[in-house]
Amino acid sequence: MLVLTRKANQSIMIGDSIEISVLSVFGEKVRLGIEAPKEVPIFRTEVFREIRAQGPMDDESRQALDAALGLVADGESDDT
């Protein structure tokens, strides 16, 4: 694990296209902003683990989740 120290209004880059910014720090709470390509899913860890615990998704379930998360590209439709 890489451990970094950042202050409010500072950020880190992951690769060329993902930027994580520290927006504010209030006591023990840190507010982060994440800029990433639309096709990169971003979840809180507890949500990610819950999705994984449900097991593999069929195509219909994955499409529904992608649509709920706004991962369907503009102009794309899941109507067949």
Protein backbone atom coordinates (compact mmCIF):
# COMPACT_ATOMS: atom_id res chain seq x y z
CA MET A 1 0.00 0.00 0.00
CA LEU A 2 1.27 3.43 -0.91
CA VAL A 3 0.63 5.97 1.87
CA LEU A 4 0.63 9.68 1.02
CA THR A 5 -0.02 12.82 3.00
CA ARG A 6 -2.14 15.46 1.29
CA LYS A 7 -3.78 18.65 2.49
CA ALA A 8 -7.05 20.23 1.40
CA ASN A 9 -6.91 21.37 -2.24
CA GLN A 10 -4.12 18.92 -3.08
CA SER A 11 -4.53 15.83 -5.24
CA ILE A 12 -2.91 12.68 -6.56
CA MET A 13 -2.99 11.14 -10.03
CA ILE A 14 -3.57 7.47 -10.81
CA GLY A 15 -2.30 6.85 -14.30
CA ASP A 16 -3.08 9.54 -16.85
CA SER A 17 -6.82 9.80 -16.32
CA ILE A 18 -7.78 9.46 -12.64
CA GLU A 19 -7.35 12.34 -10.22
CA ILE A 20 -8.25 12.15 -6.53
CA SER A 21 -8.50 15.51 -4.78
CA VAL A 22 -8.80 16.29 -1.09
CA LEU A 23 -11.64 18.80 -1.02
CA SER A 24 -11.81 19.37 2.73
CA VAL A 25 -10.89 17.92 6.10
CA PHE A 26 -13.20 18.25 9.12
CA GLY A 27 -11.90 16.44 12.21
CA GLU A 28 -11.78 12.76 11.29
CA LYS A 29 -13.74 13.20 8.05
CA VAL A 30 -12.06 13.77 4.69
CA ARG A 31 -14.07 14.84 1.65
CA LEU A 32 -12.61 13.51 -1.61
CA GLY A 33 -13.34 14.33 -5.21
CA ILE A 34 -12.63 11.79 -7.94
CA GLU A 35 -12.28 12.59 -11.63
CA ALA A 36 -12.17 9.49 -13.79
CA PRO A 37 -13.38 8.34 -17.20
CA LYS A 38 -17.07 7.50 -17.23
CA GLU A 39 -16.35 3.82 -17.90
CA VAL A 40 -14.37 3.44 -14.64
CA PRO A 41 -16.76 2.26 -11.91
CA ILE A 42 -16.21 3.90 -8.52
CA PHE A 43 -17.76 2.45 -5.38
CA ARG A 44 -17.40 2.89 -1.64
CA THR A 45 -15.66 -0.27 -0.37
CA GLU A 46 -18.69 -1.53 1.55
CA VAL A 47 -20.88 -1.26 -1.57
CA PHE A 48 -18.23 -2.94 -3.73
CA ARG A 49 -17.95 -5.87 -1.30
CA GLU A 50 -21.74 -6.26 -1.18
CA ILE A 51 -21.93 -6.41 -4.97
CA ARG A 52 -19.09 -8.96 -5.11
CA ALA A 53 -20.70 -11.07 -2.37
CA GLN A 54 -23.78 -11.48 -4.55
CA GLY A 55 -21.65 -13.41 -7.03
CA PRO A 56 -21.25 -13.09 -10.79
CA MET A 57 -23.84 -11.04 -12.65
CA ASP A 58 -25.56 -12.07 -15.82
CA ASP A 59 -25.56 -9.59 -18.72
CA GLU A 60 -29.02 -8.22 -17.88
CA SER A 61 -28.07 -7.52 -14.24
CA ARG A 62 -24.79 -5.88 -15.27
CA GLN A 63 -26.62 -3.65 -17.77
CA ALA A 64 -29.13 -2.63 -15.09
CA LEU A 65 -26.33 -1.80 -12.65
CA ASP A 66 -24.39 0.11 -15.32
CA ALA A 67 -27.51 2.10 -16.21
CA ALA A 68 -28.18 2.88 -12.54
CA LEU A 69 -24.60 4.10 -12.18
CA GLY A 70 -24.79 6.19 -15.34
CA LEU A 71 -22.28 4.02 -17.21
CA VAL A 72 -24.37 3.73 -20.38
CA ALA A 73 -22.71 6.06 -22.86
CA ASP A 74 -24.70 8.91 -24.34
CA GLY A 75 -26.54 7.78 -27.44
CA GLU A 76 -26.31 4.14 -26.38
CA SER A 77 -29.42 2.22 -25.55
CA ASP A 78 -29.84 -1.14 -23.93
CA ASP A 79 -33.02 -1.74 -25.97
CA THR A 80 -32.55 -4.64 -28.35
